[in-house]
Amino acid sequence: MEKLKIGITQGDTNGIGLEIALKSIIPEGFTEICTPILFANKKLVTQTLHNIGESLKFQTVASASEARPGKISVVSIGDSNLQVTYGSPSPESGHAAFESLRAACDALENGEIDALVTAPICKEAIQSEEFKFPGHTEYLESRFADSDNPDSKAMMILFNDDIRVALLTTHLPIAKVSEAIRADKIIEAVKRLDHTLRRDFGCDRPRIAVLSLNPHSGDGGLLGNEEKSEIIPAIRSLNDEKILAFGPYAADGFFGTENWRNFDGILAMYHDQGLAPFKTIAKQSGVNFTAGLDVIRTSPDHGTAYDIAGQNQADPTSMREAIYKAIDIVRARERYDDASADPLPISVHKSTNKPQ
């Protein structure tokens, strides 16, 4: 089987992005798994290798299309005089992160890489006239969502081998979450989660848990009405369409009793409701996946870690898992698409006008 080309961005250059990327792909034999392509500042790659006490043979290429199996390639991005100040964001580090992301997305769009793995960015530092998004997820949706397909919409899923958590709302202030909890949005999100569990994770008939918004699932309306007015009607509607959605479950009891083990996927109402328990469960093995798009992107489930940047202390486990999982999802999607493709067309005999 042909090795997949996996594009990897450098992330915020004042953080741990390149450190964990290089630590992930340095081990002997890694190029037997895939063909890694770093979209990074060549000078900073060399500097980072020095910082972590490693040597690495890599080839510099003008584009990802020039990458070859068995080689680690670097598509050099940005100014060779880039100033790095480990431990704090800067306009320079944000701009470098965006240049890397844009180039990698161009390669993804052109079919030069099979999947994208992004290193952490600083959402404040990366803001510019070209990047006015809360994070990677929204930027990728702006680049790759099909405007003619209403189902083409990005969904953030955090997962490891044991648990998959999707978010109804992502980078949204808590004060605005309640107004975003609507039955139609829940139905749409569960349908997208159901589809990605089938297509990208190989679940035949996925069971999906839907979390409540309010404590104790609203206590019959005493602690909020969103469960009665929006979430429960959405679940009933989904069940009518033969989608295996269950709930709503109060998040504390759901995770505390390990009820999550009984489901293939979980829909959380807001960011921290899903991510706080997920990261407690997954620890270093967690991966962020942008589902719902035709392209595949994963990332580690942590941030820039400025407090340890440049100190050779960063753990590459989540980044390495993100690379492995990107490969798994590409292969799972290929299998699903092959299995669900239209059968051979039926030919029609010209003289009888009947199927043959």
Protein backbone atom coordinates (compact mmCIF):
# COMPACT_ATOMS: atom_id res chain seq x y z
CA MET A 1 0.00 0.00 0.00
CA GLU A 2 1.36 3.40 -0.98
CA LYS A 3 2.55 5.45 1.98
CA LEU A 4 0.40 8.45 2.75
CA LYS A 5 1.83 11.96 2.62
CA ILE A 6 1.13 13.67 5.94
CA GLY A 7 1.57 17.44 6.10
CA ILE A 8 2.59 18.87 9.49
CA THR A 9 2.51 22.57 10.37
CA GLN A 10 4.99 24.31 12.68
CA GLY A 11 2.39 26.05 14.85
CA ASP A 12 3.31 29.10 16.91
CA THR A 13 7.08 29.40 16.62
CA ASN A 14 7.46 30.61 20.21
CA GLY A 15 5.73 27.49 21.52
CA ILE A 16 6.41 23.75 21.45
CA GLY A 17 5.00 23.01 17.99
CA LEU A 18 8.19 22.19 16.12
CA GLU A 19 9.68 20.41 19.12
CA ILE A 20 6.83 17.90 19.34
CA ALA A 21 6.62 17.56 15.56
CA LEU A 22 10.30 16.69 15.26
CA LYS A 23 10.26 14.39 18.29
CA SER A 24 7.35 12.56 16.65
CA ILE A 25 9.00 11.88 13.30
CA ILE A 26 12.64 11.40 14.35
CA PRO A 27 12.37 7.79 15.62
CA GLU A 28 13.97 5.24 13.32
CA GLY A 29 11.48 3.62 10.99
CA PHE A 30 8.94 6.45 11.08
CA THR A 31 9.17 6.92 7.33
CA GLU A 32 8.03 3.32 6.94
CA ILE A 33 4.66 4.44 8.35
CA CYS A 34 4.10 7.53 6.23
CA THR A 35 5.89 10.27 4.30
CA PRO A 36 6.06 13.26 6.68
CA ILE A 37 6.24 16.76 5.23
CA LEU A 38 6.94 19.69 7.55
CA PHE A 39 5.71 23.12 6.55
CA ALA A 40 8.22 25.03 8.64
CA ASN A 41 10.99 27.59 8.74
CA LYS A 42 14.13 25.66 7.75
CA LYS A 43 16.37 27.68 10.05
CA LEU A 44 14.02 27.05 12.97
CA VAL A 45 13.97 23.31 12.20
CA THR A 46 17.75 23.24 12.53
CA GLN A 47 17.64 25.35 15.71
CA THR A 48 15.00 23.11 17.27
CA LEU A 49 17.00 19.98 16.47
CA HIS A 50 19.96 21.55 18.26
CA ASN A 51 17.76 22.41 21.26
CA ILE A 52 16.57 18.83 21.65
CA GLY A 53 19.98 17.32 21.00
CA GLU A 54 18.99 15.40 17.89
CA SER A 55 20.21 15.12 14.34
CA LEU A 56 17.97 14.50 11.39
CA LYS A 57 18.50 14.12 7.68
CA PHE A 58 15.81 15.94 5.78
CA GLN A 59 15.38 17.26 2.27
CA THR A 60 14.20 20.77 1.51
CA VAL A 61 11.54 20.81 -1.19
CA ALA A 62 9.77 23.63 -2.98
CA SER A 63 6.39 21.94 -2.61
CA ALA A 64 4.90 18.83 -1.06
CA SER A 65 4.56 17.29 -4.52
CA GLU A 66 8.36 16.84 -4.51
CA ALA A 67 8.39 14.78 -1.30
CA ARG A 68 9.56 11.19 -1.73
CA PRO A 69 8.78 8.03 0.26
CA GLY A 70 11.41 7.14 2.81
CA LYS A 71 12.44 10.79 3.24
CA ILE A 72 11.50 13.52 5.69
CA SER A 73 10.79 16.68 3.74
CA VAL A 74 10.63 20.33 4.76
CA VAL A 75 8.74 22.91 2.73
CA SER A 76 10.57 25.98 3.99
CA ILE A 77 8.22 28.73 5.12
CA GLY A 78 8.91 32.36 5.91
CA ASP A 79 11.88 34.59 6.56
CA SER A 80 15.23 33.03 7.46
CA ASN A 81 15.71 35.94 9.90
CA LEU A 82 12.62 35.00 11.92
CA GLN A 83 13.12 36.03 15.54
CA VAL A 84 12.11 33.41 18.08
CA THR A 85 11.32 34.33 21.67
CA TYR A 86 10.32 31.14 23.40
CA GLY A 87 7.65 31.41 26.04
CA SER A 88 5.44 34.27 24.85
CA PRO A 89 3.31 35.08 21.80
CA SER A 90 4.30 37.75 19.34
CA PRO A 91 3.03 39.11 16.03
CA GLU A 92 6.00 37.37 14.36
CA SER A 93 5.19 33.97 15.87
CA GLY A 94 1.53 34.33 14.94
CA HIS A 95 2.35 35.32 11.36
CA ALA A 96 4.76 32.40 11.02
CA ALA A 97 2.06 30.03 12.26
CA PHE A 98 -0.39 31.37 9.69
CA GLU A 99 2.11 31.15 6.81
CA SER A 100 2.70 27.51 7.65
CA LEU A 101 -1.02 26.74 7.95
CA ARG A 102 -1.89 28.50 4.71
CA ALA A 103 0.83 26.69 2.76
CA ALA A 104 -0.20 23.32 4.18
CA CYS A 105 -3.87 23.98 3.35
CA ASP A 106 -2.87 24.92 -0.20
CA ALA A 107 -1.09 21.58 -0.49
CA LEU A 108 -4.14 19.79 0.95
CA GLU A 109 -6.42 21.57 -1.51
CA ASN A 110 -4.16 20.64 -4.42
CA GLY A 111 -3.99 16.97 -3.42
CA GLU A 112 -0.27 17.13 -2.65
CA ILE A 113 -0.81 15.70 0.85
CA ASP A 114 -3.33 13.12 2.04
CA ALA A 115 -3.99 14.60 5.49
CA LEU A 116 -2.98 17.55 7.64
CA VAL A 117 -1.70 17.55 11.22
CA THR A 118 -1.51 20.97 12.83
CA ALA A 119 0.77 22.00 15.69
CA PRO A 120 -0.71 24.33 18.35
CA ILE A 121 -1.25 28.02 17.59
CA CYS A 122 -1.89 31.01 19.80
CA LYS A 123 -5.36 32.20 18.82
CA GLU A 124 -4.54 35.78 19.83
CA ALA A 125 -1.16 36.04 18.08
CA ILE A 126 -2.37 34.58 14.78
CA GLN A 127 -5.16 37.13 14.30
CA SER A 128 -4.70 39.30 11.20
CA GLU A 129 -6.51 40.58 8.15
CA GLU A 130 -6.15 37.09 6.66
CA PHE A 131 -7.01 35.11 9.79
CA LYS A 132 -10.06 36.32 11.69
CA PHE A 133 -11.18 33.03 13.21
CA PRO A 134 -11.46 31.65 16.76
CA GLY A 135 -9.23 28.71 15.80
CA HIS A 136 -8.14 26.07 13.30
CA THR A 137 -11.60 24.51 13.04
CA GLU A 138 -13.32 27.64 11.79
CA TYR A 139 -10.49 28.49 9.39
CA LEU A 140 -10.57 25.01 7.88
CA GLU A 141 -14.33 25.25 7.46
CA SER A 142 -13.90 28.54 5.59
CA ARG A 143 -11.37 26.89 3.28
CA PHE A 144 -12.91 23.48 2.69
CA ALA A 145 -16.65 23.48 3.36
CA ASP A 146 -18.74 22.89 0.24
CA SER A 147 -21.06 25.87 -0.08
CA ASP A 148 -23.47 23.79 -2.19
CA ASN A 149 -23.73 21.07 0.47
CA PRO A 150 -25.50 22.04 3.73
CA ASP A 151 -24.01 18.97 5.43
CA SER A 152 -20.48 20.22 4.76
CA LYS A 153 -19.69 21.83 8.08
CA ALA A 154 -16.75 21.40 10.44
CA MET A 155 -17.25 19.52 13.70
CA MET A 156 -14.67 19.32 16.47
CA ILE A 157 -14.20 15.77 17.79
CA LEU A 158 -11.73 14.89 20.55
CA PHE A 159 -10.90 11.21 20.70
CA ASN A 160 -8.53 8.40 21.57
CA ASP A 161 -8.95 4.63 21.33
CA ASP A 162 -11.58 4.61 24.10
CA ILE A 163 -13.75 7.72 23.79
CA ARG A 164 -15.00 10.20 21.18
CA VAL A 165 -16.44 13.56 22.20
CA ALA A 166 -17.99 15.99 19.72
CA LEU A 167 -19.01 19.57 20.47
CA LEU A 168 -22.26 21.28 19.55
CA THR A 169 -20.67 24.71 20.15
CA THR A 170 -16.91 25.19 19.96
CA HIS A 171 -15.14 28.49 20.63
CA LEU A 172 -18.18 30.30 21.97
CA PRO A 173 -18.36 32.40 25.16
CA ILE A 174 -20.33 30.69 27.94
CA ALA A 175 -22.74 33.64 28.03
CA LYS A 176 -23.83 32.80 24.48
CA VAL A 177 -24.08 29.03 24.79
CA SER A 178 -27.71 28.83 25.94
CA GLU A 179 -29.07 30.72 22.96
CA ALA A 180 -27.15 28.35 20.65
CA ILE A 181 -28.87 25.24 22.04
CA ARG A 182 -31.56 24.66 19.45
CA ALA A 183 -33.27 21.45 18.40
CA ASP A 184 -32.42 21.89 14.72
CA LYS A 185 -28.74 22.42 15.54
CA ILE A 186 -28.67 19.35 17.78
CA ILE A 187 -30.29 17.22 15.09
CA GLU A 188 -27.81 18.48 12.51
CA ALA A 189 -24.84 17.84 14.82
CA VAL A 190 -25.91 14.32 15.77
CA LYS A 191 -26.46 13.41 12.13
CA ARG A 192 -22.98 14.65 11.26
CA LEU A 193 -21.52 12.77 14.22
CA ASP A 194 -23.38 9.62 13.19
CA HIS A 195 -21.99 9.92 9.66
CA THR A 196 -18.39 10.48 10.73
CA LEU A 197 -18.56 7.59 13.22
CA ARG A 198 -19.57 5.36 10.33
CA ARG A 199 -17.25 6.80 7.69
CA ASP A 200 -14.15 7.78 9.65
CA PHE A 201 -14.20 5.40 12.60
CA GLY A 202 -15.79 2.25 11.17
CA CYS A 203 -18.78 2.11 13.56
CA ASP A 204 -21.57 0.13 11.94
CA ARG A 205 -24.58 1.34 14.00
CA PRO A 206 -23.14 4.02 16.29
CA ARG A 207 -24.72 4.69 19.68
CA ILE A 208 -24.58 8.41 20.51
CA ALA A 209 -25.03 9.98 23.94
CA VAL A 210 -26.36 13.56 24.07
CA LEU A 211 -25.42 15.55 27.16
CA SER A 212 -27.73 18.00 28.89
CA LEU A 213 -26.95 21.69 29.22
CA ASN A 214 -28.11 22.31 32.78
CA PRO A 215 -27.22 20.57 36.07
CA HIS A 216 -29.28 17.42 36.69
CA SER A 217 -30.65 17.72 33.13
CA GLY A 218 -32.62 20.76 34.24
CA ASP A 219 -34.50 18.97 37.04
CA GLY A 220 -37.74 19.05 35.10
CA GLY A 221 -37.39 22.74 34.32
CA LEU A 222 -36.35 23.94 37.78
CA LEU A 223 -32.76 24.51 36.63
CA GLY A 224 -33.41 25.45 33.02
CA ASN A 225 -35.75 24.58 30.16
CA GLU A 226 -33.34 23.76 27.33
CA GLU A 227 -33.65 20.03 27.95
CA LYS A 228 -37.45 20.04 27.70
CA SER A 229 -37.75 22.60 24.91
CA GLU A 230 -34.81 21.69 22.66
CA ILE A 231 -32.69 18.65 23.56
CA ILE A 232 -35.37 16.02 24.26
CA PRO A 233 -37.45 16.91 21.16
CA ALA A 234 -34.26 16.69 19.08
CA ILE A 235 -33.45 13.23 20.41
CA ARG A 236 -37.00 12.02 19.72
CA SER A 237 -36.81 13.34 16.17
CA LEU A 238 -33.49 11.56 15.63
CA ASN A 239 -34.93 8.32 16.98
CA ASP A 240 -37.80 8.63 14.51
CA GLU A 241 -35.14 8.61 11.80
CA LYS A 242 -33.60 5.42 13.26
CA ILE A 243 -30.52 7.21 14.61
CA LEU A 244 -29.40 5.71 17.92
CA ALA A 245 -29.28 8.88 20.02
CA PHE A 246 -29.83 8.70 23.79
CA GLY A 247 -30.12 11.18 26.64
CA PRO A 248 -29.97 13.87 27.72
CA TYR A 249 -27.40 12.87 30.32
CA ALA A 250 -26.16 15.16 33.10
CA ALA A 251 -22.44 15.44 32.39
CA ASP A 252 -21.17 14.90 35.94
CA GLY A 253 -22.92 11.58 36.46
CA PHE A 254 -22.35 10.48 32.88
CA PHE A 255 -18.58 10.72 33.17
CA GLY A 256 -18.38 9.96 36.89
CA THR A 257 -20.11 6.57 36.53
CA GLU A 258 -18.20 5.78 33.32
CA ASN A 259 -21.45 5.56 31.38
CA TRP A 260 -19.47 6.98 28.46
CA ARG A 261 -18.02 3.51 27.89
CA ASN A 262 -21.43 2.38 26.57
CA PHE A 263 -21.38 4.74 23.59
CA ASP A 264 -19.51 5.16 20.33
CA GLY A 265 -19.75 8.94 20.44
CA ILE A 266 -20.82 11.75 22.76
CA LEU A 267 -22.26 15.15 21.87
CA ALA A 268 -21.40 17.81 24.46
CA MET A 269 -23.25 21.11 24.47
CA TYR A 270 -20.19 23.33 24.92
CA HIS A 271 -16.40 23.34 24.88
CA ASP A 272 -15.36 22.70 28.48
CA GLN A 273 -18.29 20.37 29.23
CA GLY A 274 -16.78 17.89 26.79
CA LEU A 275 -13.10 18.70 26.84
CA ALA A 276 -12.45 18.82 30.59
CA PRO A 277 -13.57 15.22 31.24
CA PHE A 278 -12.11 14.07 27.93
CA LYS A 279 -8.63 15.31 28.75
CA THR A 280 -8.87 13.78 32.22
CA ILE A 281 -9.69 10.42 30.65
CA ALA A 282 -7.41 10.54 27.61
CA LYS A 283 -4.42 12.27 29.20
CA GLN A 284 -1.57 12.40 26.65
CA SER A 285 -3.26 10.17 24.06
CA GLY A 286 -5.98 12.65 23.05
CA VAL A 287 -6.35 13.84 19.46
CA ASN A 288 -8.44 16.65 17.96
CA PHE A 289 -10.13 15.79 14.65
CA THR A 290 -11.94 18.23 12.37
CA ALA A 291 -14.81 16.10 11.07
CA GLY A 292 -17.48 17.00 8.54
CA LEU A 293 -15.17 18.12 5.72
CA ASP A 294 -13.83 16.28 2.68
CA VAL A 295 -10.27 16.87 3.92
CA ILE A 296 -8.76 15.25 7.00
CA ARG A 297 -7.08 17.26 9.74
CA THR A 298 -5.97 16.20 13.20
CA SER A 299 -3.94 17.88 15.93
CA PRO A 300 -2.70 17.27 19.45
CA ASP A 301 -5.31 18.14 22.08
CA HIS A 302 -3.16 20.71 23.90
CA GLY A 303 -1.88 24.22 23.37
CA THR A 304 1.40 26.02 22.80
CA ALA A 305 2.76 25.29 26.31
CA TYR A 306 4.76 28.51 26.44
CA ASP A 307 5.89 27.69 29.98
CA ILE A 308 8.15 24.86 28.73
CA ALA A 309 8.89 26.07 25.18
CA GLY A 310 12.52 25.79 24.10
CA GLN A 311 13.43 23.67 27.13
CA ASN A 312 13.28 20.18 25.59
CA GLN A 313 10.53 19.20 28.04
CA ALA A 314 7.55 18.81 25.70
CA ASP A 315 5.91 15.38 25.47
CA PRO A 316 5.26 14.47 21.81
CA THR A 317 2.74 11.69 22.56
CA SER A 318 -0.39 13.62 21.52
CA MET A 319 1.27 14.90 18.33
CA ARG A 320 2.46 11.41 17.41
CA GLU A 321 -1.02 10.05 18.08
CA ALA A 322 -2.46 12.81 15.87
CA ILE A 323 -0.26 11.62 13.00
CA TYR A 324 -1.17 7.97 13.53
CA LYS A 325 -4.88 8.76 13.79
CA ALA A 326 -4.80 10.87 10.64
CA ILE A 327 -3.48 7.82 8.79
CA ASP A 328 -6.16 5.60 10.38
CA ILE A 329 -8.94 8.00 9.36
CA VAL A 330 -7.72 8.24 5.76
CA ARG A 331 -7.75 4.44 5.50
CA ALA A 332 -11.12 4.07 7.26
CA ARG A 333 -12.66 6.66 4.94
CA GLU A 334 -11.26 4.88 1.89
CA ARG A 335 -12.79 1.59 3.04
CA TYR A 336 -16.17 3.18 3.76
CA ASP A 337 -16.29 5.07 0.47
CA ASP A 338 -15.33 1.94 -1.49
CA ALA A 339 -17.97 -0.14 0.27
CA SER A 340 -20.72 2.46 -0.19
CA ALA A 341 -19.91 3.45 -3.75
CA ASP A 342 -22.59 3.05 -6.40
CA PRO A 343 -22.66 -0.44 -7.90
CA LEU A 344 -21.83 -0.95 -11.55
CA PRO A 345 -24.44 0.79 -13.70
CA ILE A 346 -27.04 -1.45 -15.28
CA SER A 347 -26.72 -1.50 -19.04
CA VAL A 348 -29.85 -1.21 -21.15
CA HIS A 349 -30.26 -3.27 -24.31
CA LYS A 350 -30.91 -0.83 -27.16
CA SER A 351 -33.45 -3.00 -28.98
CA THR A 352 -35.60 -3.99 -26.00
CA ASN A 353 -34.92 -1.03 -23.71
CA LYS A 354 -34.71 -3.54 -20.83
CA PRO A 355 -31.99 -3.91 -18.20
CA GLN A 356 -29.38 -6.58 -18.97
